[in-house]
């Protein structure tokens, strides 16, 4: 069972471009689930720039459960990578690789505005 969000009445704003351009072309339920989850995480942030790391997504239990429903026999990280790759290729999100304070490469995902 997934963990309920702290504010179940909170709305998640979606960019008009996503609704009118990208959404009608999405054929992969994995891409759709990843995109909607990513919008939910990004729009709840107060810091700038709003972004989510690969590490955060790969350890997100709600997203894990959501993706394993549609791909129960696949490795979670492979399914996540597929969904993120499709969303980035479509232009819904940007993928940026930046070093952290220890020089380790960190993969970040941002809304492509």
N, C-alpha and C. Protein backbone atom coordinates (compact mmCIF):
# COMPACT_ATOMS: atom_id res chain seq x y z
N UNK A 1 0.84 -1.17 0.00
CA UNK A 1 0.00 0.00 0.00
C UNK A 1 0.89 1.23 0.00
N UNK A 2 0.55 2.22 -0.81
CA UNK A 2 1.38 3.42 -0.91
C UNK A 2 1.10 4.35 0.26
N UNK A 3 2.09 5.17 0.56
CA UNK A 3 1.97 6.13 1.63
C UNK A 3 1.17 7.33 1.13
N UNK A 4 0.11 7.73 1.85
CA UNK A 4 -0.66 8.89 1.40
C UNK A 4 0.16 10.16 1.54
N UNK A 5 -0.10 11.11 0.67
CA UNK A 5 0.61 12.38 0.75
C UNK A 5 0.13 13.15 1.97
N UNK A 6 0.97 14.05 2.50
CA UNK A 6 0.59 14.80 3.69
C UNK A 6 -0.68 15.63 3.49
N UNK A 7 -0.85 16.19 2.30
CA UNK A 7 -2.03 17.00 2.01
C UNK A 7 -2.73 16.40 0.81
N UNK A 8 -3.71 15.57 1.06
CA UNK A 8 -4.39 14.85 -0.02
C UNK A 8 -5.21 15.77 -0.90
N UNK A 9 -5.49 16.99 -0.46
CA UNK A 9 -6.27 17.93 -1.25
C UNK A 9 -5.40 18.86 -2.10
N UNK A 10 -4.08 18.76 -1.95
CA UNK A 10 -3.18 19.64 -2.70
C UNK A 10 -3.28 19.32 -4.19
N UNK A 11 -3.31 20.36 -4.98
CA UNK A 11 -3.35 20.21 -6.43
C UNK A 11 -1.94 20.26 -6.99
N UNK A 12 -1.70 19.51 -8.04
CA UNK A 12 -0.41 19.51 -8.72
C UNK A 12 -0.60 20.21 -10.06
N UNK A 13 -0.03 21.41 -10.21
CA UNK A 13 -0.18 22.12 -11.48
C UNK A 13 0.66 21.46 -12.57
N UNK A 14 0.07 21.35 -13.73
CA UNK A 14 0.78 20.82 -14.90
C UNK A 14 0.88 21.91 -15.94
N UNK A 15 2.04 22.03 -16.59
CA UNK A 15 2.19 23.06 -17.62
C UNK A 15 1.21 22.81 -18.78
N UNK A 16 0.69 23.90 -19.33
CA UNK A 16 -0.24 23.79 -20.46
C UNK A 16 0.41 23.05 -21.62
N UNK A 17 1.71 23.27 -21.82
CA UNK A 17 2.42 22.58 -22.90
C UNK A 17 2.36 21.07 -22.72
N UNK A 18 2.48 20.62 -21.47
CA UNK A 18 2.40 19.18 -21.22
C UNK A 18 1.01 18.67 -21.56
N UNK A 19 -0.02 19.37 -21.11
CA UNK A 19 -1.41 18.93 -21.34
C UNK A 19 -1.76 18.93 -22.82
N UNK A 20 -1.41 20.00 -23.52
CA UNK A 20 -1.88 20.18 -24.90
C UNK A 20 -0.96 19.61 -25.97
N UNK A 21 0.33 19.47 -25.67
CA UNK A 21 1.27 19.00 -26.69
C UNK A 21 1.80 17.60 -26.37
N UNK A 22 2.36 17.42 -25.18
CA UNK A 22 3.01 16.15 -24.86
C UNK A 22 2.03 15.04 -24.52
N UNK A 23 1.05 15.31 -23.66
CA UNK A 23 0.13 14.28 -23.20
C UNK A 23 -0.58 13.55 -24.34
N UNK A 24 -1.09 14.25 -25.35
CA UNK A 24 -1.77 13.53 -26.44
C UNK A 24 -0.86 12.56 -27.20
N UNK A 25 0.45 12.75 -27.10
CA UNK A 25 1.40 11.90 -27.85
C UNK A 25 2.01 10.78 -27.02
N UNK A 26 1.79 10.79 -25.73
CA UNK A 26 2.37 9.76 -24.86
C UNK A 26 1.61 8.45 -25.05
N UNK A 27 2.34 7.39 -25.37
CA UNK A 27 1.74 6.07 -25.54
C UNK A 27 2.21 5.09 -24.47
N UNK A 28 3.21 5.47 -23.71
CA UNK A 28 3.77 4.59 -22.69
C UNK A 28 3.22 4.96 -21.31
N UNK A 29 2.59 4.00 -20.65
CA UNK A 29 2.09 4.24 -19.30
C UNK A 29 3.26 4.51 -18.35
N UNK A 30 4.41 3.93 -18.62
CA UNK A 30 5.59 4.16 -17.79
C UNK A 30 6.01 5.63 -17.89
N UNK A 31 6.08 6.16 -19.09
CA UNK A 31 6.42 7.58 -19.27
C UNK A 31 5.40 8.47 -18.57
N UNK A 32 4.13 8.15 -18.71
CA UNK A 32 3.08 8.95 -18.09
C UNK A 32 3.20 8.94 -16.57
N UNK A 33 3.39 7.76 -15.98
CA UNK A 33 3.51 7.67 -14.52
C UNK A 33 4.74 8.42 -14.01
N UNK A 34 5.86 8.25 -14.69
CA UNK A 34 7.08 8.95 -14.28
C UNK A 34 6.88 10.46 -14.40
N UNK A 35 6.30 10.91 -15.50
CA UNK A 35 6.10 12.35 -15.72
C UNK A 35 5.20 12.95 -14.64
N UNK A 36 4.07 12.33 -14.38
CA UNK A 36 3.15 12.87 -13.38
C UNK A 36 3.77 12.86 -11.99
N UNK A 37 4.49 11.80 -11.66
CA UNK A 37 5.15 11.74 -10.35
C UNK A 37 6.22 12.82 -10.23
N UNK A 38 6.98 13.01 -11.30
CA UNK A 38 8.03 14.03 -11.30
C UNK A 38 7.43 15.42 -11.16
N UNK A 39 6.34 15.71 -11.88
CA UNK A 39 5.67 17.00 -11.71
C UNK A 39 5.23 17.19 -10.26
N UNK A 40 4.68 16.14 -9.65
CA UNK A 40 4.26 16.24 -8.26
C UNK A 40 5.40 16.56 -7.32
N UNK A 41 6.53 15.91 -7.52
CA UNK A 41 7.70 16.18 -6.66
C UNK A 41 8.26 17.58 -6.88
N UNK A 42 8.38 17.96 -8.14
CA UNK A 42 8.99 19.25 -8.46
C UNK A 42 8.12 20.41 -8.01
N UNK A 43 6.82 20.32 -8.24
CA UNK A 43 5.95 21.46 -7.89
C UNK A 43 5.77 21.62 -6.38
N UNK A 44 6.09 20.59 -5.61
CA UNK A 44 5.97 20.72 -4.16
C UNK A 44 7.20 21.36 -3.53
N UNK A 45 8.24 21.57 -4.31
CA UNK A 45 9.48 22.16 -3.79
C UNK A 45 9.37 23.67 -3.67
N UNK A 46 10.07 24.21 -2.69
CA UNK A 46 10.11 25.67 -2.53
C UNK A 46 11.47 26.24 -2.90
N UNK A 47 12.48 25.39 -2.98
CA UNK A 47 13.82 25.87 -3.33
C UNK A 47 13.95 26.00 -4.84
N UNK A 48 14.91 26.82 -5.26
CA UNK A 48 15.17 27.00 -6.70
C UNK A 48 16.60 26.57 -6.99
N UNK A 49 16.92 25.99 -8.09
CA UNK A 49 15.95 25.55 -9.09
C UNK A 49 15.21 24.30 -8.61
N UNK A 50 13.98 24.17 -9.05
CA UNK A 50 13.19 22.99 -8.70
C UNK A 50 13.70 21.83 -9.54
N UNK A 51 14.10 20.77 -8.86
CA UNK A 51 14.68 19.64 -9.55
C UNK A 51 14.61 18.40 -8.67
N UNK A 52 14.75 17.25 -9.29
CA UNK A 52 14.76 15.98 -8.56
C UNK A 52 15.93 15.16 -9.08
N UNK A 53 16.65 14.54 -8.17
CA UNK A 53 17.81 13.74 -8.57
C UNK A 53 17.41 12.30 -8.89
N UNK A 54 18.26 11.66 -9.68
CA UNK A 54 18.08 10.24 -9.98
C UNK A 54 18.05 9.45 -8.67
N UNK A 55 18.93 9.79 -7.73
CA UNK A 55 18.98 9.07 -6.46
C UNK A 55 17.66 9.14 -5.72
N UNK A 56 17.05 10.34 -5.71
CA UNK A 56 15.76 10.49 -5.03
C UNK A 56 14.68 9.66 -5.72
N UNK A 57 14.67 9.69 -7.05
CA UNK A 57 13.67 8.91 -7.79
C UNK A 57 13.89 7.41 -7.62
N UNK A 58 15.13 6.99 -7.63
CA UNK A 58 15.41 5.56 -7.53
C UNK A 58 15.08 5.01 -6.15
N UNK A 59 14.98 5.88 -5.15
CA UNK A 59 14.65 5.45 -3.78
C UNK A 59 13.23 5.82 -3.37
N UNK A 60 12.42 6.30 -4.30
CA UNK A 60 11.05 6.73 -4.02
C UNK A 60 10.13 5.51 -3.99
N UNK A 61 9.62 5.16 -2.81
CA UNK A 61 8.81 3.95 -2.67
C UNK A 61 7.47 4.05 -3.39
N UNK A 62 6.87 5.22 -3.42
CA UNK A 62 5.59 5.38 -4.11
C UNK A 62 5.79 5.17 -5.61
N UNK A 63 6.82 5.79 -6.18
CA UNK A 63 7.10 5.62 -7.60
C UNK A 63 7.49 4.17 -7.91
N UNK A 64 8.25 3.56 -7.03
CA UNK A 64 8.63 2.15 -7.23
C UNK A 64 7.38 1.28 -7.34
N UNK A 65 6.47 1.43 -6.39
CA UNK A 65 5.24 0.63 -6.40
C UNK A 65 4.41 0.92 -7.64
N UNK A 66 4.34 2.17 -8.02
CA UNK A 66 3.56 2.57 -9.19
C UNK A 66 4.09 1.93 -10.46
N UNK A 67 5.40 1.94 -10.64
CA UNK A 67 5.98 1.38 -11.86
C UNK A 67 5.97 -0.14 -11.87
N UNK A 68 6.11 -0.75 -10.71
CA UNK A 68 6.10 -2.21 -10.67
C UNK A 68 4.71 -2.79 -10.93
N UNK A 69 3.67 -1.98 -10.79
CA UNK A 69 2.32 -2.42 -11.14
C UNK A 69 2.23 -2.69 -12.64
N UNK A 70 2.87 -1.85 -13.44
CA UNK A 70 2.78 -2.00 -14.90
C UNK A 70 3.91 -2.85 -15.48
N UNK A 71 4.96 -3.07 -14.71
CA UNK A 71 6.09 -3.89 -15.19
C UNK A 71 6.60 -4.77 -14.05
N UNK A 72 5.76 -5.70 -13.57
CA UNK A 72 6.12 -6.47 -12.38
C UNK A 72 7.31 -7.41 -12.56
N UNK A 73 7.63 -7.76 -13.79
CA UNK A 73 8.73 -8.70 -14.02
C UNK A 73 10.00 -8.01 -14.51
N UNK A 74 10.02 -6.70 -14.42
CA UNK A 74 11.18 -5.93 -14.87
C UNK A 74 11.91 -5.34 -13.66
N UNK A 75 13.18 -5.06 -13.85
CA UNK A 75 13.96 -4.39 -12.80
C UNK A 75 13.49 -2.95 -12.69
N UNK A 76 13.22 -2.50 -11.46
CA UNK A 76 12.67 -1.17 -11.25
C UNK A 76 13.52 -0.08 -11.88
N UNK A 77 14.83 -0.13 -11.70
CA UNK A 77 15.69 0.93 -12.23
C UNK A 77 15.66 0.97 -13.76
N UNK A 78 15.48 -0.18 -14.39
CA UNK A 78 15.35 -0.20 -15.85
C UNK A 78 14.06 0.47 -16.30
N UNK A 79 12.98 0.21 -15.58
CA UNK A 79 11.69 0.81 -15.91
C UNK A 79 11.75 2.32 -15.67
N UNK A 80 12.34 2.72 -14.56
CA UNK A 80 12.49 4.14 -14.26
C UNK A 80 13.31 4.83 -15.34
N UNK A 81 14.41 4.22 -15.73
CA UNK A 81 15.26 4.79 -16.78
C UNK A 81 14.51 4.92 -18.09
N UNK A 82 13.70 3.93 -18.43
CA UNK A 82 12.89 3.98 -19.65
C UNK A 82 11.91 5.16 -19.61
N UNK A 83 11.22 5.32 -18.49
CA UNK A 83 10.25 6.40 -18.37
C UNK A 83 10.89 7.77 -18.40
N UNK A 84 11.99 7.93 -17.68
CA UNK A 84 12.70 9.21 -17.68
C UNK A 84 13.27 9.52 -19.06
N UNK A 85 13.85 8.51 -19.69
CA UNK A 85 14.42 8.71 -21.02
C UNK A 85 13.37 9.17 -22.02
N UNK A 86 12.21 8.55 -21.97
CA UNK A 86 11.13 8.93 -22.88
C UNK A 86 10.64 10.35 -22.61
N UNK A 87 10.51 10.71 -21.33
CA UNK A 87 10.04 12.05 -20.97
C UNK A 87 11.06 13.12 -21.37
N UNK A 88 12.33 12.82 -21.23
CA UNK A 88 13.38 13.76 -21.63
C UNK A 88 13.41 13.88 -23.15
N UNK A 89 13.34 12.76 -23.83
CA UNK A 89 13.36 12.78 -25.30
C UNK A 89 12.15 13.54 -25.85
N UNK A 90 11.01 13.44 -25.21
CA UNK A 90 9.80 14.14 -25.65
C UNK A 90 9.91 15.65 -25.41
N UNK A 91 10.74 16.04 -24.46
CA UNK A 91 10.90 17.46 -24.16
C UNK A 91 10.12 17.93 -22.96
N UNK A 92 9.55 17.00 -22.20
CA UNK A 92 8.82 17.37 -20.99
C UNK A 92 9.77 17.80 -19.87
N UNK A 93 10.94 17.16 -19.84
CA UNK A 93 11.92 17.41 -18.78
C UNK A 93 13.31 17.56 -19.37
N UNK A 94 14.17 18.23 -18.62
CA UNK A 94 15.58 18.34 -18.96
C UNK A 94 16.37 17.41 -18.05
N UNK A 95 17.42 16.82 -18.58
CA UNK A 95 18.32 15.98 -17.81
C UNK A 95 19.66 16.71 -17.75
N UNK A 96 20.11 17.01 -16.54
CA UNK A 96 21.36 17.74 -16.34
C UNK A 96 22.24 16.91 -15.41
N UNK A 97 23.51 16.78 -15.77
CA UNK A 97 24.47 16.07 -14.92
C UNK A 97 25.43 17.10 -14.36
N UNK A 98 25.48 17.18 -13.03
CA UNK A 98 26.35 18.14 -12.34
C UNK A 98 27.12 17.42 -11.24
N UNK A 99 28.36 17.82 -11.00
CA UNK A 99 29.11 17.22 -9.90
C UNK A 99 28.62 17.76 -8.55
N UNK A 100 28.63 16.89 -7.55
CA UNK A 100 28.32 17.37 -6.21
C UNK A 100 29.60 17.88 -5.55
N UNK A 101 29.55 18.19 -4.26
CA UNK A 101 30.70 18.76 -3.57
C UNK A 101 31.88 17.80 -3.49
N UNK A 102 31.64 16.51 -3.74
CA UNK A 102 32.71 15.51 -3.70
C UNK A 102 33.17 15.12 -5.11
N UNK A 103 32.65 15.79 -6.12
CA UNK A 103 33.02 15.49 -7.50
C UNK A 103 32.26 14.35 -8.13
N UNK A 104 31.31 13.78 -7.40
CA UNK A 104 30.49 12.69 -7.92
C UNK A 104 29.42 13.25 -8.85
N UNK A 105 29.23 12.64 -10.01
CA UNK A 105 28.21 13.10 -10.96
C UNK A 105 26.82 12.82 -10.40
N UNK A 106 25.96 13.84 -10.42
CA UNK A 106 24.58 13.71 -9.97
C UNK A 106 23.67 14.03 -11.14
N UNK A 107 22.73 13.13 -11.40
CA UNK A 107 21.75 13.31 -12.47
C UNK A 107 20.54 14.03 -11.92
N UNK A 108 20.21 15.17 -12.53
CA UNK A 108 19.07 15.99 -12.11
C UNK A 108 18.04 16.05 -13.22
N UNK A 109 16.77 16.14 -12.84
CA UNK A 109 15.67 16.27 -13.79
C UNK A 109 14.88 17.52 -13.43
N UNK A 110 14.67 18.37 -14.44
CA UNK A 110 13.97 19.65 -14.27
C UNK A 110 12.88 19.74 -15.31
N UNK A 111 11.84 20.53 -15.01
CA UNK A 111 10.79 20.78 -16.00
C UNK A 111 11.39 21.62 -17.12
N UNK A 112 11.13 21.23 -18.35
CA UNK A 112 11.61 21.98 -19.52
C UNK A 112 10.61 23.09 -19.81
N UNK A 113 10.97 24.30 -19.40
CA UNK A 113 10.06 25.44 -19.61
C UNK A 113 10.58 26.37 -20.67
